[in-house]
Amino acid sequence: MGYFRIDYAALKDFCEKVFAGYGFSEEESRTITDVLLAADLSAIESHGVQRLIRYHDEITSGMVDLHAVPEVVKDTPLTAVIDGHDAMGQVLGVRAMKLAIEKAKTAGVGMVAVRNSNHYGIAGYYTKMAVKEGLIGICMTNTEAIMVPTFGKQAMLGTNPIAFAMPAEPVPFSFDSATTVVPRGKLEVYAKKTGELRPGWAVDENGRECTDAGRVLQNIIAKSGGGILPLGGAGEEGSGYKGYGYGMLCEICTAILSGGTTSNYVYKNPPHSNIAHFFMAVDYGMFGEKAEIEKRLSVLMQELRDSAKAEGQDRIFTHGEKEILARERILKEGVPVLDKTYEEMRMIAAYTHTEEYLPAADPAD
């Protein structure tokens, strides 16, 4: 097991060609690739190019409808509900957040709930779309049941990430987190690396701690019990009930509001995944002078960075800083890609007849 370094531009071109090879339009292929590689550029390996194999499986199985025509089934000045009709999640996500932004610019707030979608990548991509327009962005998605509720042994909720972003100087505030201890993608990465998970991440079909990545993933796929623990871990002593509660907040905003499918039924109606999302944009100018509000946030963030450091530590980061630093480094050094992921890319290239675009891979130092 090892890593390769791949030039970002070459990887971007390859991914765009691959998605076009499946039958997506050029614009759709660029959109999907942009969301996908935004994860790699942020050093979020679990949601980056290593997910190509998942998308390959979902596209070729018919779970993703290449010809879907998303439908706005309810529309008000502040809100909308979109039925995605099995469209690719990234395509739906960008469309929905654009609609939320449009409503926020007109009415101050825009909220769009989406049902019958597919996996849409990192939630933080969509909140940053709002930030670029001078707005607060909020985004959530439910997923296949993977979270075991506090005191339970059956996965009932998804990783159910919640993302929030707001403009500030010199960098925006950008928070994006699963409500489980780790996302499923991290299990996939560890399964490719060593097969061993860290203690406190997951439980087996009997509700006992399990560090076997393959076993946990197989249980999730077979829906035979077990899964990932809520943020905070098992029981109540580590406050796992808080992660469980955050997961429910996400479920309410996504599936419940959209009239969609809750996590415990996602991927249970083949060939449909039936994932639900939620997008929100807010013009904080409704609360006062925008420049002054941004300044207050910027001051707080700088005070956090300047506050007293723990012994042995020389820096405190605010949310989103590490991703910006990672982007600068990765654009310069190349995208780190596991050798097993590269082999999957090779197989996908053969399937989509894009072998000539498969980027060169240099062993990482």
Foldseek 3Di string as FASTA:
>chain_A
DFKWFFAPVLVLVLQLLLVVLLPADSVVSNQLSVQQCLCLLLVNVLQHLLCVLVVVVLSVQVQADRPWDKDFPDDDLAETFIERQRHEQSVVLQVQLVQQLVSCVVPQKHKYKYKQYDDRTFQQVSQVVLQVVQWKKKKWKWAAFFEAAAPGWFRFTALIKIWIWGDAPPGIFIDIGGQFQDHLSVLVVCCVPPQFADWQFKAAQVRHTDGRSVRQVVCSVVSNTIHTQGVQGYHPPSPSNVSVVSRVVSQCQWCVVNVWDGNPCAPVDPPYRTMMMMIMIGNCCVVPNSVVVNHVVRVVQVCQQVDDDDPPDDTDHGHPVSSVVSSVVCNVRGRIDDPVSLVVSCVSCVVSVNNVSSTDIHGDD
